Amino acid sequence: MVDIDSERIRIILANIEYEIIEEIGVLSENARGWRKELNKVSWNGRPPKYDIRDWSEDHEKMGKGITLTDEEAEALKKLLD
């Protein structure tokens, strides 16, 4: 079992920088207005990746999500076709 210092986690998460480079589409929206979106996002100044996650209406808060490289997104597209 791993003991995680939750205060340390909060500090690390507070220092994450992101920029939504391209808003591609909304997959769904819940009753509270949060939307599961597909976007191209740059995390901490790195090259943008495809990103699927829940966002608040103003994009100030986010839920857990997944990022995909261009190659991974293409592989996912082939699997879904």
PDB file of N, CA and C in Angstrom:
ATOM      1  N   MET A   1       0.838  -1.177   0.000  1.00  0.00           N
ATOM      2  CA  MET A   1       0.000   0.000   0.000  1.00  0.00           C
ATOM      3  C   MET A   1       0.883   1.240   0.000  1.00  0.00           C
ATOM      4  N   VAL A   2       0.507   2.229  -0.759  1.00  0.00           N
ATOM      5  CA  VAL A   2       1.275   3.467  -0.871  1.00  0.00           C
ATOM      6  C   VAL A   2       0.583   4.555  -0.073  1.00  0.00           C
ATOM      7  N   ASP A   3       1.356   5.239   0.766  1.00  0.00           N
ATOM      8  CA  ASP A   3       0.810   6.363   1.527  1.00  0.00           C
ATOM      9  C   ASP A   3       1.072   7.635   0.737  1.00  0.00           C
ATOM     10  N   ILE A   4       0.028   8.292   0.299  1.00  0.00           N
ATOM     11  CA  ILE A   4       0.165   9.497  -0.515  1.00  0.00           C
ATOM     12  C   ILE A   4      -0.152  10.707   0.342  1.00  0.00           C
ATOM     13  N   ASP A   5       0.733  11.676   0.321  1.00  0.00           N
ATOM     14  CA  ASP A   5       0.525  12.928   1.044  1.00  0.00           C
ATOM     15  C   ASP A   5      -0.413  13.802   0.222  1.00  0.00           C
ATOM     16  N   SER A   6      -1.677  13.914   0.652  1.00  0.00           N
ATOM     17  CA  SER A   6      -2.671  14.637  -0.148  1.00  0.00           C
ATOM     18  C   SER A   6      -2.331  16.113  -0.285  1.00  0.00           C
ATOM     19  N   GLU A   7      -1.667  16.708   0.689  1.00  0.00           N
ATOM     20  CA  GLU A   7      -1.268  18.117   0.578  1.00  0.00           C
ATOM     21  C   GLU A   7      -0.267  18.285  -0.562  1.00  0.00           C
ATOM     22  N   ARG A   8       0.659  17.364  -0.691  1.00  0.00           N
ATOM     23  CA  ARG A   8       1.650  17.413  -1.769  1.00  0.00           C
ATOM     24  C   ARG A   8       0.958  17.283  -3.120  1.00  0.00           C
ATOM     25  N   ILE A   9      -0.006  16.399  -3.224  1.00  0.00           N
ATOM     26  CA  ILE A   9      -0.747  16.212  -4.468  1.00  0.00           C
ATOM     27  C   ILE A   9      -1.453  17.507  -4.852  1.00  0.00           C
ATOM     28  N   ARG A  10      -2.083  18.176  -3.898  1.00  0.00           N
ATOM     29  CA  ARG A  10      -2.777  19.428  -4.175  1.00  0.00           C
ATOM     30  C   ARG A  10      -1.822  20.487  -4.701  1.00  0.00           C
ATOM     31  N   ILE A  11      -0.646  20.553  -4.126  1.00  0.00           N
ATOM     32  CA  ILE A  11       0.337  21.545  -4.573  1.00  0.00           C
ATOM     33  C   ILE A  11       0.758  21.250  -6.005  1.00  0.00           C
ATOM     34  N   ILE A  12       1.022  20.003  -6.310  1.00  0.00           N
ATOM     35  CA  ILE A  12       1.420  19.629  -7.665  1.00  0.00           C
ATOM     36  C   ILE A  12       0.294  19.953  -8.641  1.00  0.00           C
ATOM     37  N   LEU A  13      -0.929  19.602  -8.308  1.00  0.00           N
ATOM     38  CA  LEU A  13      -2.046  19.858  -9.209  1.00  0.00           C
ATOM     39  C   LEU A  13      -2.288  21.347  -9.400  1.00  0.00           C
ATOM     40  N   ALA A  14      -2.026  22.131  -8.381  1.00  0.00           N
ATOM     41  CA  ALA A  14      -2.234  23.575  -8.493  1.00  0.00           C
ATOM     42  C   ALA A  14      -1.250  24.213  -9.466  1.00  0.00           C
ATOM     43  N   ASN A  15      -0.141  23.557  -9.739  1.00  0.00           N
ATOM     44  CA  ASN A  15       0.877  24.113 -10.627  1.00  0.00           C
ATOM     45  C   ASN A  15       0.770  23.614 -12.064  1.00  0.00           C
ATOM     46  N   ILE A  16      -0.285  22.922 -12.402  1.00  0.00           N
ATOM     47  CA  ILE A  16      -0.476  22.447 -13.770  1.00  0.00           C
ATOM     48  C   ILE A  16      -0.978  23.602 -14.625  1.00  0.00           C
ATOM     49  N   GLU A  17      -0.300  23.813 -15.743  1.00  0.00           N
ATOM     50  CA  GLU A  17      -0.735  24.835 -16.686  1.00  0.00           C
ATOM     51  C   GLU A  17      -1.302  24.139 -17.917  1.00  0.00           C
ATOM     52  N   TYR A  18      -2.368  24.701 -18.455  1.00  0.00           N
ATOM     53  CA  TYR A  18      -2.955  24.125 -19.660  1.00  0.00           C
ATOM     54  C   TYR A  18      -3.485  25.233 -20.546  1.00  0.00           C
ATOM     55  N   GLU A  19      -3.499  24.928 -21.832  1.00  0.00           N
ATOM     56  CA  GLU A  19      -4.084  25.845 -22.807  1.00  0.00           C
ATOM     57  C   GLU A  19      -4.873  25.010 -23.801  1.00  0.00           C
ATOM     58  N   ILE A  20      -6.156  25.304 -23.935  1.00  0.00           N
ATOM     59  CA  ILE A  20      -6.976  24.608 -24.926  1.00  0.00           C
ATOM     60  C   ILE A  20      -6.679  25.253 -26.270  1.00  0.00           C
ATOM     61  N   ILE A  21      -5.995  24.504 -27.124  1.00  0.00           N
ATOM     62  CA  ILE A  21      -5.569  24.998 -28.428  1.00  0.00           C
ATOM     63  C   ILE A  21      -6.718  24.939 -29.431  1.00  0.00           C
ATOM     64  N   GLU A  22      -7.494  23.842 -29.359  1.00  0.00           N
ATOM     65  CA  GLU A  22      -8.600  23.654 -30.303  1.00  0.00           C
ATOM     66  C   GLU A  22      -9.740  22.922 -29.607  1.00  0.00           C
ATOM     67  N   GLU A  23     -10.933  23.482 -29.675  1.00  0.00           N
ATOM     68  CA  GLU A  23     -12.127  22.815 -29.162  1.00  0.00           C
ATOM     69  C   GLU A  23     -12.741  22.026 -30.317  1.00  0.00           C
ATOM     70  N   ILE A  24     -12.670  20.701 -30.226  1.00  0.00           N
ATOM     71  CA  ILE A  24     -13.109  19.847 -31.329  1.00  0.00           C
ATOM     72  C   ILE A  24     -14.589  19.501 -31.220  1.00  0.00           C
ATOM     73  N   GLY A  25     -15.045  19.130 -30.026  1.00  0.00           N
ATOM     74  CA  GLY A  25     -16.458  18.800 -29.895  1.00  0.00           C
ATOM     75  C   GLY A  25     -16.845  18.367 -28.500  1.00  0.00           C
ATOM     76  N   VAL A  26     -18.150  18.342 -28.265  1.00  0.00           N
ATOM     77  CA  VAL A  26     -18.722  17.925 -26.985  1.00  0.00           C
ATOM     78  C   VAL A  26     -19.309  16.532 -27.164  1.00  0.00           C
ATOM     79  N   LEU A  27     -18.902  15.598 -26.306  1.00  0.00           N
ATOM     80  CA  LEU A  27     -19.416  14.230 -26.366  1.00  0.00           C
ATOM     81  C   LEU A  27     -20.707  14.083 -25.573  1.00  0.00           C
ATOM     82  N   SER A  28     -20.802  14.783 -24.440  1.00  0.00           N
ATOM     83  CA  SER A  28     -22.015  14.733 -23.620  1.00  0.00           C
ATOM     84  C   SER A  28     -21.995  15.886 -22.626  1.00  0.00           C
ATOM     85  N   GLU A  29     -23.156  16.123 -22.006  1.00  0.00           N
ATOM     86  CA  GLU A  29     -23.274  17.157 -20.977  1.00  0.00           C
ATOM     87  C   GLU A  29     -24.153  16.617 -19.862  1.00  0.00           C
ATOM     88  N   ASN A  30     -23.743  16.850 -18.606  1.00  0.00           N
ATOM     89  CA  ASN A  30     -24.556  16.365 -17.496  1.00  0.00           C
ATOM     90  C   ASN A  30     -25.489  17.457 -16.981  1.00  0.00           C
ATOM     91  N   ALA A  31     -26.313  17.125 -16.007  1.00  0.00           N
ATOM     92  CA  ALA A  31     -27.324  18.053 -15.492  1.00  0.00           C
ATOM     93  C   ALA A  31     -26.714  19.285 -14.833  1.00  0.00           C
ATOM     94  N   ARG A  32     -25.468  19.191 -14.369  1.00  0.00           N
ATOM     95  CA  ARG A  32     -24.814  20.333 -13.720  1.00  0.00           C
ATOM     96  C   ARG A  32     -24.105  21.236 -14.724  1.00  0.00           C
ATOM     97  N   GLY A  33     -24.170  20.890 -15.995  1.00  0.00           N
ATOM     98  CA  GLY A  33     -23.550  21.723 -17.022  1.00  0.00           C
ATOM     99  C   GLY A  33     -22.131  21.339 -17.375  1.00  0.00           C
ATOM    100  N   TRP A  34     -21.574  20.328 -16.703  1.00  0.00           N
ATOM    101  CA  TRP A  34     -20.233  19.862 -17.055  1.00  0.00           C
ATOM    102  C   TRP A  34     -20.324  19.076 -18.358  1.00  0.00           C
ATOM    103  N   ARG A  35     -19.333  19.283 -19.219  1.00  0.00           N
ATOM    104  CA  ARG A  35     -19.355  18.632 -20.529  1.00  0.00           C
ATOM    105  C   ARG A  35     -18.120  17.756 -20.720  1.00  0.00           C
ATOM    106  N   LYS A  36     -18.342  16.573 -21.262  1.00  0.00           N
ATOM    107  CA  LYS A  36     -17.227  15.714 -21.670  1.00  0.00           C
ATOM    108  C   LYS A  36     -16.849  16.167 -23.067  1.00  0.00           C
ATOM    109  N   GLU A  37     -15.613  16.659 -23.214  1.00  0.00           N
ATOM    110  CA  GLU A  37     -15.191  17.286 -24.460  1.00  0.00           C
ATOM    111  C   GLU A  37     -13.958  16.606 -25.047  1.00  0.00           C
ATOM    112  N   LEU A  38     -13.852  16.710 -26.364  1.00  0.00           N
ATOM    113  CA  LEU A  38     -12.634  16.345 -27.076  1.00  0.00           C
ATOM    114  C   LEU A  38     -11.989  17.648 -27.520  1.00  0.00           C
ATOM    115  N   ASN A  39     -10.781  17.887 -27.033  1.00  0.00           N
ATOM    116  CA  ASN A  39     -10.040  19.106 -27.355  1.00  0.00           C
ATOM    117  C   ASN A  39      -8.591  18.761 -27.663  1.00  0.00           C
ATOM    118  N   LYS A  40      -7.885  19.706 -28.245  1.00  0.00           N
ATOM    119  CA  LYS A  40      -6.421  19.631 -28.329  1.00  0.00           C
ATOM    120  C   LYS A  40      -5.913  20.550 -27.227  1.00  0.00           C
ATOM    121  N   VAL A  41      -5.133  19.986 -26.292  1.00  0.00           N
ATOM    122  CA  VAL A  41      -4.694  20.737 -25.120  1.00  0.00           C
ATOM    123  C   VAL A  41      -3.181  20.644 -24.981  1.00  0.00           C
ATOM    124  N   SER A  42      -2.570  21.775 -24.690  1.00  0.00           N
ATOM    125  CA  SER A  42      -1.151  21.832 -24.352  1.00  0.00           C
ATOM    126  C   SER A  42      -1.046  21.842 -22.832  1.00  0.00           C
ATOM    127  N   TRP A  43      -0.354  20.852 -22.282  1.00  0.00           N
ATOM    128  CA  TRP A  43      -0.158  20.753 -20.837  1.00  0.00           C
ATOM    129  C   TRP A  43       1.260  21.177 -20.491  1.00  0.00           C
ATOM    130  N   ASN A  44       1.393  22.137 -19.594  1.00  0.00           N
ATOM    131  CA  ASN A  44       2.696  22.613 -19.112  1.00  0.00           C
ATOM    132  C   ASN A  44       3.624  23.015 -20.244  1.00  0.00           C
ATOM    133  N   GLY A  45       3.070  23.671 -21.268  1.00  0.00           N
ATOM    134  CA  GLY A  45       3.881  24.185 -22.364  1.00  0.00           C
ATOM    135  C   GLY A  45       4.350  23.144 -23.362  1.00  0.00           C
ATOM    136  N   ARG A  46       3.889  21.921 -23.226  1.00  0.00           N
ATOM    137  CA  ARG A  46       4.291  20.850 -24.147  1.00  0.00           C
ATOM    138  C   ARG A  46       3.422  20.889 -25.401  1.00  0.00           C
ATOM    139  N   PRO A  47       3.843  20.167 -26.443  1.00  0.00           N
ATOM    140  CA  PRO A  47       3.021  20.113 -27.662  1.00  0.00           C
ATOM    141  C   PRO A  47       1.615  19.595 -27.339  1.00  0.00           C
ATOM    142  N   PRO A  48       0.607  20.125 -28.019  1.00  0.00           N
ATOM    143  CA  PRO A  48      -0.772  19.720 -27.711  1.00  0.00           C
ATOM    144  C   PRO A  48      -1.043  18.268 -28.065  1.00  0.00           C
ATOM    145  N   LYS A  49      -1.942  17.669 -27.277  1.00  0.00           N
ATOM    146  CA  LYS A  49      -2.409  16.306 -27.501  1.00  0.00           C
ATOM    147  C   LYS A  49      -3.928  16.325 -27.504  1.00  0.00           C
ATOM    148  N   TYR A  50      -4.509  15.292 -28.108  1.00  0.00           N
ATOM    149  CA  TYR A  50      -5.948  15.120 -28.000  1.00  0.00           C
ATOM    150  C   TYR A  50      -6.261  14.840 -26.532  1.00  0.00           C
ATOM    151  N   ASP A  51      -7.361  15.377 -26.057  1.00  0.00           N
ATOM    152  CA  ASP A  51      -7.690  15.282 -24.645  1.00  0.00           C
ATOM    153  C   ASP A  51      -9.193  15.066 -24.503  1.00  0.00           C
ATOM    154  N   ILE A  52      -9.579  14.023 -23.777  1.00  0.00           N
ATOM    155  CA  ILE A  52     -10.984  13.749 -23.493  1.00  0.00           C
ATOM    156  C   ILE A  52     -11.152  13.834 -21.984  1.00  0.00           C
ATOM    157  N   ARG A  53     -11.988  14.775 -21.523  1.00  0.00           N
ATOM    158  CA  ARG A  53     -12.249  14.916 -20.092  1.00  0.00           C
ATOM    159  C   ARG A  53     -13.479  15.772 -19.858  1.00  0.00           C
ATOM    160  N   ASP A  54     -13.964  15.737 -18.614  1.00  0.00           N
ATOM    161  CA  ASP A  54     -15.082  16.585 -18.204  1.00  0.00           C
ATOM    162  C   ASP A  54     -14.556  17.967 -17.846  1.00  0.00           C
ATOM    163  N   TRP A  55     -15.280  18.990 -18.303  1.00  0.00           N
ATOM    164  CA  TRP A  55     -14.926  20.386 -18.026  1.00  0.00           C
ATOM    165  C   TRP A  55     -16.141  21.118 -17.492  1.00  0.00           C
ATOM    166  N   SER A  56     -15.897  22.051 -16.573  1.00  0.00           N
ATOM    167  CA  SER A  56     -16.959  22.963 -16.157  1.00  0.00           C
ATOM    168  C   SER A  56     -17.244  23.905 -17.323  1.00  0.00           C
ATOM    169  N   GLU A  57     -18.344  24.625 -17.234  1.00  0.00           N
ATOM    170  CA  GLU A  57     -18.751  25.499 -18.342  1.00  0.00           C
ATOM    171  C   GLU A  57     -17.684  26.525 -18.714  1.00  0.00           C
ATOM    172  N   ASP A  58     -16.957  27.042 -17.722  1.00  0.00           N
ATOM    173  CA  ASP A  58     -15.963  28.089 -17.981  1.00  0.00           C
ATOM    174  C   ASP A  58     -14.548  27.545 -18.208  1.00  0.00           C
ATOM    175  N   HIS A  59     -14.397  26.223 -18.236  1.00  0.00           N
ATOM    176  CA  HIS A  59     -13.099  25.563 -18.406  1.00  0.00           C
ATOM    177  C   HIS A  59     -12.109  25.888 -17.291  1.00  0.00           C
ATOM    178  N   GLU A  60     -12.606  26.312 -16.131  1.00  0.00           N
ATOM    179  CA  GLU A  60     -11.737  26.587 -14.986  1.00  0.00           C
ATOM    180  C   GLU A  60     -11.530  25.339 -14.132  1.00  0.00           C
ATOM    181  N   LYS A  61     -12.487  24.403 -14.172  1.00  0.00           N
ATOM    182  CA  LYS A  61     -12.391  23.165 -13.405  1.00  0.00           C
ATOM    183  C   LYS A  61     -12.480  22.006 -14.379  1.00  0.00           C
ATOM    184  N   MET A  62     -11.786  20.915 -14.019  1.00  0.00           N
ATOM    185  CA  MET A  62     -11.769  19.744 -14.893  1.00  0.00           C
ATOM    186  C   MET A  62     -11.837  18.470 -14.077  1.00  0.00           C
ATOM    187  N   GLY A  63     -12.306  17.416 -14.720  1.00  0.00           N
ATOM    188  CA  GLY A  63     -12.303  16.098 -14.114  1.00  0.00           C
ATOM    189  C   GLY A  63     -11.145  15.288 -14.672  1.00  0.00           C
ATOM    190  N   LYS A  64     -11.083  14.045 -14.241  1.00  0.00           N
ATOM    191  CA  LYS A  64     -10.046  13.155 -14.763  1.00  0.00           C
ATOM    192  C   LYS A  64     -10.300  12.926 -16.242  1.00  0.00           C
ATOM    193  N   GLY A  65      -9.231  12.711 -16.967  1.00  0.00           N
ATOM    194  CA  GLY A  65      -9.376  12.496 -18.395  1.00  0.00           C
ATOM    195  C   GLY A  65      -8.240  11.668 -18.948  1.00  0.00           C
ATOM    196  N   ILE A  66      -8.167  11.649 -20.247  1.00  0.00           N
ATOM    197  CA  ILE A  66      -7.128  10.905 -20.948  1.00  0.00           C
ATOM    198  C   ILE A  66      -6.589  11.776 -22.072  1.00  0.00           C
ATOM    199  N   THR A  67      -5.271  11.704 -22.273  1.00  0.00           N
ATOM    200  CA  THR A  67      -4.663  12.399 -23.400  1.00  0.00           C
ATOM    201  C   THR A  67      -4.166  11.359 -24.392  1.00  0.00           C
ATOM    202  N   LEU A  68      -4.213  11.726 -25.660  1.00  0.00           N
ATOM    203  CA  LEU A  68      -3.786  10.828 -26.732  1.00  0.00           C
ATOM    204  C   LEU A  68      -2.875  11.579 -27.693  1.00  0.00           C
ATOM    205  N   THR A  69      -1.793  10.925 -28.095  1.00  0.00           N
ATOM    206  CA  THR A  69      -0.954  11.483 -29.148  1.00  0.00           C
ATOM    207  C   THR A  69      -1.716  11.395 -30.463  1.00  0.00           C
ATOM    208  N   ASP A  70      -1.202  12.037 -31.499  1.00  0.00           N
ATOM    209  CA  ASP A  70      -1.835  11.935 -32.819  1.00  0.00           C
ATOM    210  C   ASP A  70      -1.931  10.479 -33.255  1.00  0.00           C
ATOM    211  N   GLU A  71      -0.874   9.705 -33.004  1.00  0.00           N
ATOM    212  CA  GLU A  71      -0.848   8.299 -33.404  1.00  0.00           C
ATOM    213  C   GLU A  71      -1.885   7.494 -32.631  1.00  0.00           C
ATOM    214  N   GLU A  72      -2.004   7.748 -31.325  1.00  0.00           N
ATOM    215  CA  GLU A  72      -2.992   7.035 -30.518  1.00  0.00           C
ATOM    216  C   GLU A  72      -4.410   7.404 -30.938  1.00  0.00           C
ATOM    217  N   ALA A  73      -4.650   8.667 -31.245  1.00  0.00           N
ATOM    218  CA  ALA A  73      -5.976   9.098 -31.700  1.00  0.00           C
ATOM    219  C   ALA A  73      -6.323   8.428 -33.027  1.00  0.00           C
ATOM    220  N   GLU A  74      -5.354   8.315 -33.915  1.00  0.00           N
ATOM    221  CA  GLU A  74      -5.580   7.652 -35.198  1.00  0.00           C
ATOM    222  C   GLU A  74      -5.884   6.169 -34.987  1.00  0.00           C
ATOM    223  N   ALA A  75      -5.154   5.514 -34.075  1.00  0.00           N
ATOM    224  CA  ALA A  75      -5.409   4.106 -33.776  1.00  0.00           C
ATOM    225  C   ALA A  75      -6.805   3.927 -33.180  1.00  0.00           C
ATOM    226  N   LEU A  76      -7.220   4.835 -32.296  1.00  0.00           N
ATOM    227  CA  LEU A  76      -8.559   4.777 -31.715  1.00  0.00           C
ATOM    228  C   LEU A  76      -9.623   4.955 -32.791  1.00  0.00           C
ATOM    229  N   LYS A  77      -9.398   5.887 -33.690  1.00  0.00           N
ATOM    230  CA  LYS A  77     -10.344   6.122 -34.790  1.00  0.00           C
ATOM    231  C   LYS A  77     -10.513   4.860 -35.631  1.00  0.00           C
ATOM    232  N   LYS A  78      -9.411   4.186 -35.930  1.00  0.00           N
ATOM    233  CA  LYS A  78      -9.484   2.949 -36.719  1.00  0.00           C
ATOM    234  C   LYS A  78     -10.258   1.871 -35.974  1.00  0.00           C
ATOM    235  N   LEU A  79     -10.053   1.786 -34.667  1.00  0.00           N
ATOM    236  CA  LEU A  79     -10.777   0.791 -33.878  1.00  0.00           C
ATOM    237  C   LEU A  79     -12.277   1.067 -33.861  1.00  0.00           C
ATOM    238  N   LEU A  80     -12.651   2.343 -33.861  1.00  0.00           N
ATOM    239  CA  LEU A  80     -14.067   2.711 -33.792  1.00  0.00           C
ATOM    240  C   LEU A  80     -14.772   2.661 -35.143  1.00  0.00           C
ATOM    241  N   ASP A  81     -14.024   2.725 -36.237  1.00  0.00           N
ATOM    242  CA  ASP A  81     -14.630   2.708 -37.581  1.00  0.00           C
ATOM    243  C   ASP A  81     -15.121   1.335 -37.976  1.00  0.00           C
TER     244      ASP A  81
END
